[in-house]
Every structure is written in structure tokens, then in C-alpha cells.
All heavy atoms as atom14 arrays in JSON, in Angstrom:
{
  "sequence": "APIVEELIFRGLLWRSMEILKIESRHIMWITTLLFALAHFEAFSR",
  "atom14_mask": [
    [1, 1, 1, 1, 1, 0, 0, 0, 0, 0, 0, 0, 0, 0],
    [1, 1, 1, 1, 1, 1, 1, 0, 0, 0, 0, 0, 0, 0],
    [1, 1, 1, 1, 1, 1, 1, 1, 0, 0, 0, 0, 0, 0],
    [1, 1, 1, 1, 1, 1, 1, 0, 0, 0, 0, 0, 0, 0],
    [1, 1, 1, 1, 1, 1, 1, 1, 1, 0, 0, 0, 0, 0],
    [1, 1, 1, 1, 1, 1, 1, 1, 1, 0, 0, 0, 0, 0],
    [1, 1, 1, 1, 1, 1, 1, 1, 0, 0, 0, 0, 0, 0],
    [1, 1, 1, 1, 1, 1, 1, 1, 0, 0, 0, 0, 0, 0],
    [1, 1, 1, 1, 1, 1, 1, 1, 1, 1, 1, 0, 0, 0],
    [1, 1, 1, 1, 1, 1, 1, 1, 1, 1, 1, 0, 0, 0],
    [1, 1, 1, 1, 0, 0, 0, 0, 0, 0, 0, 0, 0, 0],
    [1, 1, 1, 1, 1, 1, 1, 1, 0, 0, 0, 0, 0, 0],
    [1, 1, 1, 1, 1, 1, 1, 1, 0, 0, 0, 0, 0, 0],
    [1, 1, 1, 1, 1, 1, 1, 1, 1, 1, 1, 1, 1, 1],
    [1, 1, 1, 1, 1, 1, 1, 1, 1, 1, 1, 0, 0, 0],
    [1, 1, 1, 1, 1, 1, 0, 0, 0, 0, 0, 0, 0, 0],
    [1, 1, 1, 1, 1, 1, 1, 1, 0, 0, 0, 0, 0, 0],
    [1, 1, 1, 1, 1, 1, 1, 1, 1, 0, 0, 0, 0, 0],
    [1, 1, 1, 1, 1, 1, 1, 1, 0, 0, 0, 0, 0, 0],
    [1, 1, 1, 1, 1, 1, 1, 1, 0, 0, 0, 0, 0, 0],
    [1, 1, 1, 1, 1, 1, 1, 1, 1, 0, 0, 0, 0, 0],
    [1, 1, 1, 1, 1, 1, 1, 1, 0, 0, 0, 0, 0, 0],
    [1, 1, 1, 1, 1, 1, 1, 1, 1, 0, 0, 0, 0, 0],
    [1, 1, 1, 1, 1, 1, 0, 0, 0, 0, 0, 0, 0, 0],
    [1, 1, 1, 1, 1, 1, 1, 1, 1, 1, 1, 0, 0, 0],
    [1, 1, 1, 1, 1, 1, 1, 1, 1, 1, 0, 0, 0, 0],
    [1, 1, 1, 1, 1, 1, 1, 1, 0, 0, 0, 0, 0, 0],
    [1, 1, 1, 1, 1, 1, 1, 1, 0, 0, 0, 0, 0, 0],
    [1, 1, 1, 1, 1, 1, 1, 1, 1, 1, 1, 1, 1, 1],
    [1, 1, 1, 1, 1, 1, 1, 1, 0, 0, 0, 0, 0, 0],
    [1, 1, 1, 1, 1, 1, 1, 0, 0, 0, 0, 0, 0, 0],
    [1, 1, 1, 1, 1, 1, 1, 0, 0, 0, 0, 0, 0, 0],
    [1, 1, 1, 1, 1, 1, 1, 1, 0, 0, 0, 0, 0, 0],
    [1, 1, 1, 1, 1, 1, 1, 1, 0, 0, 0, 0, 0, 0],
    [1, 1, 1, 1, 1, 1, 1, 1, 1, 1, 1, 0, 0, 0],
    [1, 1, 1, 1, 1, 0, 0, 0, 0, 0, 0, 0, 0, 0],
    [1, 1, 1, 1, 1, 1, 1, 1, 0, 0, 0, 0, 0, 0],
    [1, 1, 1, 1, 1, 0, 0, 0, 0, 0, 0, 0, 0, 0],
    [1, 1, 1, 1, 1, 1, 1, 1, 1, 1, 0, 0, 0, 0],
    [1, 1, 1, 1, 1, 1, 1, 1, 1, 1, 1, 0, 0, 0],
    [1, 1, 1, 1, 1, 1, 1, 1, 1, 0, 0, 0, 0, 0],
    [1, 1, 1, 1, 1, 0, 0, 0, 0, 0, 0, 0, 0, 0],
    [1, 1, 1, 1, 1, 1, 1, 1, 1, 1, 1, 0, 0, 0],
    [1, 1, 1, 1, 1, 1, 0, 0, 0, 0, 0, 0, 0, 0],
    [1, 1, 1, 1, 1, 1, 1, 1, 1, 1, 1, 0, 0, 0]
  ],
  "atom14_positions": [
    [[23.22, 19.14, 70.57], [22.01, 18.79, 69.82], [22.26, 17.72, 68.75], [21.5, 16.74, 68.68], [21.4, 20.05, 69.19], [0.0, 0.0, 0.0], [0.0, 0.0, 0.0], [0.0, 0.0, 0.0], [0.0, 0.0, 0.0], [0.0, 0.0, 0.0], [0.0, 0.0, 0.0], [0.0, 0.0, 0.0], [0.0, 0.0, 0.0], [0.0, 0.0, 0.0]],
    [[23.28, 17.85, 67.9], [23.48, 16.8, 66.88], [23.73, 15.42, 67.49], [23.18, 14.42, 67.0], [24.72, 17.29, 66.11], [24.74, 18.76, 66.32], [24.23, 18.97, 67.71], [0.0, 0.0, 0.0], [0.0, 0.0, 0.0], [0.0, 0.0, 0.0], [0.0, 0.0, 0.0], [0.0, 0.0, 0.0], [0.0, 0.0, 0.0], [0.0, 0.0, 0.0]],
    [[24.52, 15.35, 68.55], [24.84, 14.05, 69.14], [23.63, 13.45, 69.85], [23.26, 12.3, 69.61], [26.02, 14.19, 70.13], [27.3, 14.55, 69.36], [26.23, 12.88, 70.91], [28.49, 14.84, 70.26], [0.0, 0.0, 0.0], [0.0, 0.0, 0.0], [0.0, 0.0, 0.0], [0.0, 0.0, 0.0], [0.0, 0.0, 0.0], [0.0, 0.0, 0.0]],
    [[23.0, 14.24, 70.71], [21.9, 13.71, 71.52], [20.69, 13.38, 70.67], [20.08, 12.29, 70.82], [21.52, 14.71, 72.63], [20.3, 14.21, 73.39], [22.67, 14.93, 73.59], [0.0, 0.0, 0.0], [0.0, 0.0, 0.0], [0.0, 0.0, 0.0], [0.0, 0.0, 0.0], [0.0, 0.0, 0.0], [0.0, 0.0, 0.0], [0.0, 0.0, 0.0]],
    [[20.31, 14.26, 69.77], [19.11, 14.02, 68.96], [19.3, 12.84, 68.02], [18.37, 12.04, 67.82], [18.74, 15.29, 68.2], [18.23, 16.39, 69.12], [17.86, 17.67, 68.4], [18.03, 17.73, 67.16], [17.39, 18.62, 69.06], [0.0, 0.0, 0.0], [0.0, 0.0, 0.0], [0.0, 0.0, 0.0], [0.0, 0.0, 0.0], [0.0, 0.0, 0.0]],
    [[20.48, 12.69, 67.45], [20.73, 11.53, 66.59], [20.82, 10.25, 67.4], [20.39, 9.17, 66.95], [21.99, 11.74, 65.75], [21.88, 12.86, 64.74], [20.65, 12.75, 63.87], [20.42, 11.68, 63.27], [19.89, 13.74, 63.81], [0.0, 0.0, 0.0], [0.0, 0.0, 0.0], [0.0, 0.0, 0.0], [0.0, 0.0, 0.0], [0.0, 0.0, 0.0]],
    [[21.36, 10.32, 68.59], [21.42, 9.15, 69.47], [20.01, 8.62, 69.74], [19.79, 7.41, 69.75], [22.1, 9.52, 70.78], [22.24, 8.41, 71.84], [23.15, 7.31, 71.34], [22.76, 8.99, 73.15], [0.0, 0.0, 0.0], [0.0, 0.0, 0.0], [0.0, 0.0, 0.0], [0.0, 0.0, 0.0], [0.0, 0.0, 0.0], [0.0, 0.0, 0.0]],
    [[19.07, 9.54, 69.92], [17.69, 9.14, 70.2], [16.96, 8.71, 68.94], [16.43, 7.59, 68.86], [16.93, 10.29, 70.89], [17.43, 10.48, 72.32], [15.42, 10.0, 70.9], [17.14, 9.33, 73.25], [0.0, 0.0, 0.0], [0.0, 0.0, 0.0], [0.0, 0.0, 0.0], [0.0, 0.0, 0.0], [0.0, 0.0, 0.0], [0.0, 0.0, 0.0]],
    [[16.92, 9.58, 67.92], [16.05, 9.34, 66.77], [16.64, 8.36, 65.75], [15.92, 7.5, 65.24], [15.69, 10.67, 66.1], [14.78, 11.51, 66.94], [15.29, 12.49, 67.77], [13.41, 11.29, 66.93], [14.46, 13.25, 68.58], [12.58, 12.05, 67.73], [13.09, 13.03, 68.55], [0.0, 0.0, 0.0], [0.0, 0.0, 0.0], [0.0, 0.0, 0.0]],
    [[17.91, 8.49, 65.43], [18.52, 7.55, 64.49], [19.27, 6.44, 65.2], [19.84, 5.55, 64.57], [19.45, 8.3, 63.53], [18.85, 8.58, 62.16], [17.61, 9.44, 62.17], [17.87, 10.8, 62.62], [16.97, 11.77, 62.61], [15.73, 11.52, 62.18], [17.26, 12.99, 63.05], [0.0, 0.0, 0.0], [0.0, 0.0, 0.0], [0.0, 0.0, 0.0]],
    [[19.29, 6.48, 66.54], [19.91, 5.43, 67.33], [18.87, 4.58, 68.03], [18.47, 3.53, 67.54], [0.0, 0.0, 0.0], [0.0, 0.0, 0.0], [0.0, 0.0, 0.0], [0.0, 0.0, 0.0], [0.0, 0.0, 0.0], [0.0, 0.0, 0.0], [0.0, 0.0, 0.0], [0.0, 0.0, 0.0], [0.0, 0.0, 0.0], [0.0, 0.0, 0.0]],
    [[18.39, 5.05, 69.18], [17.49, 4.26, 70.02], [16.18, 3.92, 69.31], [15.79, 2.73, 69.23], [17.19, 5.02, 71.3], [16.19, 4.36, 72.26], [16.75, 3.03, 72.78], [15.86, 5.3, 73.41], [0.0, 0.0, 0.0], [0.0, 0.0, 0.0], [0.0, 0.0, 0.0], [0.0, 0.0, 0.0], [0.0, 0.0, 0.0], [0.0, 0.0, 0.0]],
    [[15.47, 4.92, 68.8], [14.17, 4.66, 68.18], [14.32, 3.88, 66.88], [13.53, 2.98, 66.59], [13.43, 5.98, 67.93], [13.15, 6.82, 69.18], [12.38, 8.09, 68.81], [12.36, 6.02, 70.22], [0.0, 0.0, 0.0], [0.0, 0.0, 0.0], [0.0, 0.0, 0.0], [0.0, 0.0, 0.0], [0.0, 0.0, 0.0], [0.0, 0.0, 0.0]],
    [[15.33, 4.22, 66.1], [15.58, 3.51, 64.83], [15.87, 2.04, 65.09], [15.28, 1.15, 64.46], [16.74, 4.16, 64.1], [16.93, 3.69, 62.68], [17.36, 2.47, 62.27], [16.68, 4.46, 61.5], [17.42, 2.41, 60.9], [17.0, 3.62, 60.39], [16.25, 5.76, 61.27], [16.89, 4.07, 59.08], [16.14, 6.2, 59.95], [16.45, 5.36, 58.88]],
    [[16.78, 1.77, 66.05], [17.15, 0.39, 66.36], [15.96, -0.38, 66.91], [15.78, -1.57, 66.61], [18.32, 0.39, 67.36], [18.81, -1.0, 67.74], [19.28, -1.78, 66.54], [19.64, -3.14, 66.88], [19.55, -4.17, 66.06], [19.11, -3.99, 64.83], [19.91, -5.38, 66.44], [0.0, 0.0, 0.0], [0.0, 0.0, 0.0], [0.0, 0.0, 0.0]],
    [[15.15, 0.28, 67.71], [13.96, -0.38, 68.27], [13.04, -0.85, 67.16], [12.52, -1.97, 67.19], [13.21, 0.58, 69.2], [13.99, 0.91, 70.33], [0.0, 0.0, 0.0], [0.0, 0.0, 0.0], [0.0, 0.0, 0.0], [0.0, 0.0, 0.0], [0.0, 0.0, 0.0], [0.0, 0.0, 0.0], [0.0, 0.0, 0.0], [0.0, 0.0, 0.0]],
    [[12.83, -0.01, 66.15], [11.94, -0.38, 65.05], [12.57, -1.43, 64.15], [11.86, -2.27, 63.57], [11.54, 0.87, 64.25], [10.51, 1.72, 65.0], [9.92, 3.16, 64.08], [11.13, 4.38, 64.61], [0.0, 0.0, 0.0], [0.0, 0.0, 0.0], [0.0, 0.0, 0.0], [0.0, 0.0, 0.0], [0.0, 0.0, 0.0], [0.0, 0.0, 0.0]],
    [[13.9, -1.4, 64.02], [14.58, -2.48, 63.27], [14.33, -3.82, 63.94], [14.07, -4.83, 63.26], [16.08, -2.21, 63.22], [16.52, -1.22, 62.19], [18.03, -1.1, 62.1], [18.71, -1.37, 63.11], [18.54, -0.73, 61.03], [0.0, 0.0, 0.0], [0.0, 0.0, 0.0], [0.0, 0.0, 0.0], [0.0, 0.0, 0.0], [0.0, 0.0, 0.0]],
    [[14.43, -3.87, 65.25], [14.21, -5.11, 65.99], [12.8, -5.62, 65.78], [12.56, -6.83, 65.71], [14.5, -4.89, 67.49], [16.0, -4.73, 67.71], [13.96, -6.04, 68.34], [16.38, -4.36, 69.12], [0.0, 0.0, 0.0], [0.0, 0.0, 0.0], [0.0, 0.0, 0.0], [0.0, 0.0, 0.0], [0.0, 0.0, 0.0], [0.0, 0.0, 0.0]],
    [[11.85, -4.69, 65.63], [10.46, -5.07, 65.41], [10.16, -5.36, 63.93], [9.0, -5.52, 63.55], [9.53, -3.97, 65.92], [9.58, -3.73, 67.44], [8.7, -2.55, 67.82], [9.18, -4.97, 68.21], [0.0, 0.0, 0.0], [0.0, 0.0, 0.0], [0.0, 0.0, 0.0], [0.0, 0.0, 0.0], [0.0, 0.0, 0.0], [0.0, 0.0, 0.0]],
    [[11.21, -5.41, 63.11], [11.12, -5.77, 61.69], [10.32, -4.78, 60.86], [9.67, -5.14, 59.87], [10.49, -7.18, 61.54], [11.16, -8.27, 62.36], [12.62, -8.45, 62.0], [13.25, -9.59, 62.79], [14.7, -9.74, 62.51], [0.0, 0.0, 0.0], [0.0, 0.0, 0.0], [0.0, 0.0, 0.0], [0.0, 0.0, 0.0], [0.0, 0.0, 0.0]],
    [[10.35, -3.52, 61.26], [9.71, -2.48, 60.47], [10.64, -2.1, 59.32], [11.85, -1.99, 59.5], [9.4, -1.24, 61.34], [8.42, -1.63, 62.45], [8.82, -0.1, 60.5], [8.14, -0.52, 63.44], [0.0, 0.0, 0.0], [0.0, 0.0, 0.0], [0.0, 0.0, 0.0], [0.0, 0.0, 0.0], [0.0, 0.0, 0.0], [0.0, 0.0, 0.0]],
    [[10.09, -1.92, 58.13], [10.9, -1.6, 56.96], [11.62, -0.27, 57.13], [11.08, 0.67, 57.72], [10.03, -1.55, 55.7], [9.47, -2.9, 55.29], [8.72, -2.79, 53.96], [8.98, -1.85, 53.18], [7.85, -3.65, 53.72], [0.0, 0.0, 0.0], [0.0, 0.0, 0.0], [0.0, 0.0, 0.0], [0.0, 0.0, 0.0], [0.0, 0.0, 0.0]],
    [[12.83, -0.19, 56.58], [13.67, 0.99, 56.76], [13.0, 2.26, 56.26], [13.09, 3.32, 56.88], [15.01, 0.79, 56.06], [15.74, -0.25, 56.65], [0.0, 0.0, 0.0], [0.0, 0.0, 0.0], [0.0, 0.0, 0.0], [0.0, 0.0, 0.0], [0.0, 0.0, 0.0], [0.0, 0.0, 0.0], [0.0, 0.0, 0.0], [0.0, 0.0, 0.0]],
    [[12.32, 2.17, 55.12], [11.68, 3.38, 54.58], [10.55, 3.86, 55.49], [10.3, 5.06, 55.6], [11.16, 3.13, 53.16], [10.13, 2.01, 53.03], [9.88, 1.66, 51.57], [8.94, 0.57, 51.41], [7.64, 0.73, 51.26], [7.12, 1.95, 51.23], [6.84, -0.32, 51.12], [0.0, 0.0, 0.0], [0.0, 0.0, 0.0], [0.0, 0.0, 0.0]],
    [[9.89, 2.92, 56.17], [8.86, 3.31, 57.12], [9.48, 3.91, 58.38], [8.95, 4.87, 58.96], [7.99, 2.11, 57.48], [7.17, 1.6, 56.34], [6.81, 0.27, 56.21], [6.68, 2.23, 55.25], [6.11, 0.11, 55.11], [6.01, 1.29, 54.5], [0.0, 0.0, 0.0], [0.0, 0.0, 0.0], [0.0, 0.0, 0.0], [0.0, 0.0, 0.0]],
    [[10.62, 3.33, 58.79], [11.33, 3.87, 59.95], [11.73, 5.32, 59.68], [11.63, 6.18, 60.56], [12.57, 3.03, 60.29], [12.16, 1.61, 60.71], [13.39, 3.69, 61.39], [13.34, 0.68, 60.97], [0.0, 0.0, 0.0], [0.0, 0.0, 0.0], [0.0, 0.0, 0.0], [0.0, 0.0, 0.0], [0.0, 0.0, 0.0], [0.0, 0.0, 0.0]],
    [[12.2, 5.59, 58.47], [12.62, 6.94, 58.13], [11.49, 7.94, 58.33], [11.68, 9.01, 58.93], [13.11, 7.0, 56.68], [13.58, 8.38, 56.24], [14.2, 8.41, 54.54], [12.65, 8.32, 53.64], [0.0, 0.0, 0.0], [0.0, 0.0, 0.0], [0.0, 0.0, 0.0], [0.0, 0.0, 0.0], [0.0, 0.0, 0.0], [0.0, 0.0, 0.0]],
    [[10.29, 7.59, 57.85], [9.16, 8.53, 57.96], [8.62, 8.61, 59.38], [8.2, 9.68, 59.83], [8.07, 8.15, 56.97], [8.5, 8.34, 55.56], [8.72, 7.38, 54.61], [8.81, 9.6, 54.92], [9.13, 7.93, 53.43], [9.2, 9.3, 53.59], [8.81, 10.92, 55.35], [9.57, 10.3, 52.7], [9.18, 11.91, 54.45], [9.54, 11.6, 53.14]],
    [[8.66, 7.51, 60.11], [8.18, 7.54, 61.49], [9.1, 8.4, 62.36], [8.64, 9.23, 63.14], [8.07, 6.11, 62.07], [6.98, 5.32, 61.34], [7.76, 6.16, 63.57], [6.96, 3.84, 61.67], [0.0, 0.0, 0.0], [0.0, 0.0, 0.0], [0.0, 0.0, 0.0], [0.0, 0.0, 0.0], [0.0, 0.0, 0.0], [0.0, 0.0, 0.0]],
    [[10.41, 8.2, 62.21], [11.35, 9.0, 63.0], [11.3, 10.47, 62.59], [11.49, 11.36, 63.44], [12.79, 8.47, 62.88], [13.14, 8.36, 61.49], [12.93, 7.12, 63.55], [0.0, 0.0, 0.0], [0.0, 0.0, 0.0], [0.0, 0.0, 0.0], [0.0, 0.0, 0.0], [0.0, 0.0, 0.0], [0.0, 0.0, 0.0], [0.0, 0.0, 0.0]],
    [[11.05, 10.73, 61.32], [10.92, 12.12, 60.87], [9.7, 12.78, 61.51], [9.77, 13.93, 61.96], [10.81, 12.17, 59.34], [12.05, 11.74, 58.77], [10.51, 13.59, 58.86], [0.0, 0.0, 0.0], [0.0, 0.0, 0.0], [0.0, 0.0, 0.0], [0.0, 0.0, 0.0], [0.0, 0.0, 0.0], [0.0, 0.0, 0.0], [0.0, 0.0, 0.0]],
    [[8.6, 12.06, 61.57], [7.4, 12.59, 62.22], [7.65, 12.86, 63.7], [7.31, 13.94, 64.22], [6.24, 11.61, 62.06], [4.94, 11.96, 62.8], [4.39, 13.29, 62.3], [3.91, 10.85, 62.65], [0.0, 0.0, 0.0], [0.0, 0.0, 0.0], [0.0, 0.0, 0.0], [0.0, 0.0, 0.0], [0.0, 0.0, 0.0], [0.0, 0.0, 0.0]],
    [[8.28, 11.91, 64.38], [8.58, 12.09, 65.81], [9.56, 13.23, 66.03], [9.44, 13.98, 67.01], [9.14, 10.78, 66.39], [8.17, 9.61, 66.47], [8.91, 8.34, 66.91], [7.03, 9.91, 67.43], [0.0, 0.0, 0.0], [0.0, 0.0, 0.0], [0.0, 0.0, 0.0], [0.0, 0.0, 0.0], [0.0, 0.0, 0.0], [0.0, 0.0, 0.0]],
    [[10.52, 13.38, 65.11], [11.5, 14.45, 65.2], [10.82, 15.82, 65.09], [11.13, 16.75, 65.84], [12.55, 14.26, 64.1], [13.77, 15.11, 64.24], [14.61, 14.98, 65.33], [14.11, 16.04, 63.26], [15.76, 15.75, 65.46], [15.25, 16.82, 63.37], [16.07, 16.67, 64.47], [0.0, 0.0, 0.0], [0.0, 0.0, 0.0], [0.0, 0.0, 0.0]],
    [[9.9, 15.93, 64.14], [9.17, 17.18, 63.97], [8.3, 17.47, 65.18], [8.24, 18.61, 65.66], [8.32, 17.11, 62.7], [0.0, 0.0, 0.0], [0.0, 0.0, 0.0], [0.0, 0.0, 0.0], [0.0, 0.0, 0.0], [0.0, 0.0, 0.0], [0.0, 0.0, 0.0], [0.0, 0.0, 0.0], [0.0, 0.0, 0.0], [0.0, 0.0, 0.0]],
    [[7.63, 16.46, 65.7], [6.77, 16.65, 66.87], [7.59, 17.05, 68.1], [7.12, 17.83, 68.93], [5.99, 15.37, 67.16], [4.87, 15.02, 66.18], [4.27, 13.66, 66.51], [3.79, 16.09, 66.19], [0.0, 0.0, 0.0], [0.0, 0.0, 0.0], [0.0, 0.0, 0.0], [0.0, 0.0, 0.0], [0.0, 0.0, 0.0], [0.0, 0.0, 0.0]],
    [[8.81, 16.53, 68.2], [9.67, 16.88, 69.33], [10.01, 18.37, 69.31], [10.12, 19.01, 70.36], [10.95, 16.05, 69.29], [0.0, 0.0, 0.0], [0.0, 0.0, 0.0], [0.0, 0.0, 0.0], [0.0, 0.0, 0.0], [0.0, 0.0, 0.0], [0.0, 0.0, 0.0], [0.0, 0.0, 0.0], [0.0, 0.0, 0.0], [0.0, 0.0, 0.0]],
    [[10.15, 18.94, 68.11], [10.44, 20.36, 68.0], [9.17, 21.21, 68.13], [9.26, 22.39, 68.49], [11.16, 20.66, 66.69], [12.57, 20.17, 66.66], [12.91, 18.86, 66.41], [13.75, 20.82, 66.87], [14.23, 18.73, 66.46], [14.76, 19.9, 66.75], [0.0, 0.0, 0.0], [0.0, 0.0, 0.0], [0.0, 0.0, 0.0], [0.0, 0.0, 0.0]],
    [[8.03, 20.63, 67.85], [6.77, 21.35, 68.0], [6.3, 21.37, 69.45], [5.5, 22.24, 69.84], [5.69, 20.7, 67.12], [4.34, 21.37, 67.23], [4.12, 22.61, 66.64], [3.31, 20.76, 67.93], [2.88, 23.22, 66.75], [2.07, 21.37, 68.04], [1.85, 22.61, 67.45], [0.0, 0.0, 0.0], [0.0, 0.0, 0.0], [0.0, 0.0, 0.0]],
    [[6.8, 20.45, 70.24], [6.33, 20.27, 71.62], [6.38, 21.55, 72.44], [5.54, 21.78, 73.31], [7.17, 19.17, 72.28], [6.84, 18.86, 73.72], [7.62, 19.73, 74.68], [8.73, 20.15, 74.33], [7.09, 20.01, 75.78], [0.0, 0.0, 0.0], [0.0, 0.0, 0.0], [0.0, 0.0, 0.0], [0.0, 0.0, 0.0], [0.0, 0.0, 0.0]],
    [[7.33, 22.43, 72.15], [7.49, 23.66, 72.94], [6.42, 24.71, 72.6], [6.3, 25.71, 73.31], [8.87, 24.26, 72.7], [0.0, 0.0, 0.0], [0.0, 0.0, 0.0], [0.0, 0.0, 0.0], [0.0, 0.0, 0.0], [0.0, 0.0, 0.0], [0.0, 0.0, 0.0], [0.0, 0.0, 0.0], [0.0, 0.0, 0.0], [0.0, 0.0, 0.0]],
    [[5.63, 24.49, 71.56], [4.68, 25.5, 71.08], [3.75, 25.99, 72.18], [3.48, 27.19, 72.3], [3.86, 24.91, 69.93], [2.91, 25.9, 69.3], [3.36, 26.8, 68.34], [1.57, 25.93, 69.65], [2.5, 27.71, 67.75], [0.7, 26.84, 69.07], [1.16, 27.73, 68.12], [0.0, 0.0, 0.0], [0.0, 0.0, 0.0], [0.0, 0.0, 0.0]],
    [[3.26, 25.08, 73.0], [2.28, 25.46, 74.03], [2.93, 26.13, 75.23], [2.23, 26.65, 76.1], [1.5, 24.22, 74.49], [2.36, 23.27, 75.08], [0.0, 0.0, 0.0], [0.0, 0.0, 0.0], [0.0, 0.0, 0.0], [0.0, 0.0, 0.0], [0.0, 0.0, 0.0], [0.0, 0.0, 0.0], [0.0, 0.0, 0.0], [0.0, 0.0, 0.0]],
    [[4.26, 26.13, 75.3], [4.95, 26.65, 76.48], [5.73, 27.93, 76.22], [6.41, 28.42, 77.12], [5.9, 25.57, 77.04], [5.2, 24.31, 77.5], [6.14, 23.34, 78.2], [7.06, 22.68, 77.29], [8.36, 22.89, 77.25], [8.91, 23.78, 78.06], [9.14, 22.23, 76.4], [0.0, 0.0, 0.0], [0.0, 0.0, 0.0], [0.0, 0.0, 0.0]]
  ]
}
């Protein structure tokens, strides 16, 4: 979990937003929202 989730959220998604010139503080909150939603996704199942 620590390796895979960080690879995605603080790696792939973070780097993608850096390339798009999104400010770091905004990246932090966007990835945090996506991270929370990823854990909420199982709620319906």
C-alpha cells in the first residue's frame, strides 16, 4: 500500500499536474481529494 499508493498519488498524478504548471499547494489538495475518494470508492460495494 505505501509504495503503490504513493507511486500513483505523489508520483504519477503529482508529476502530471506539475507538467501542466499547476501550483504545488493546489496539487497537494487535489491529490488529497483524489486519495480520499479512492478510499471511499468501496463504500457502495
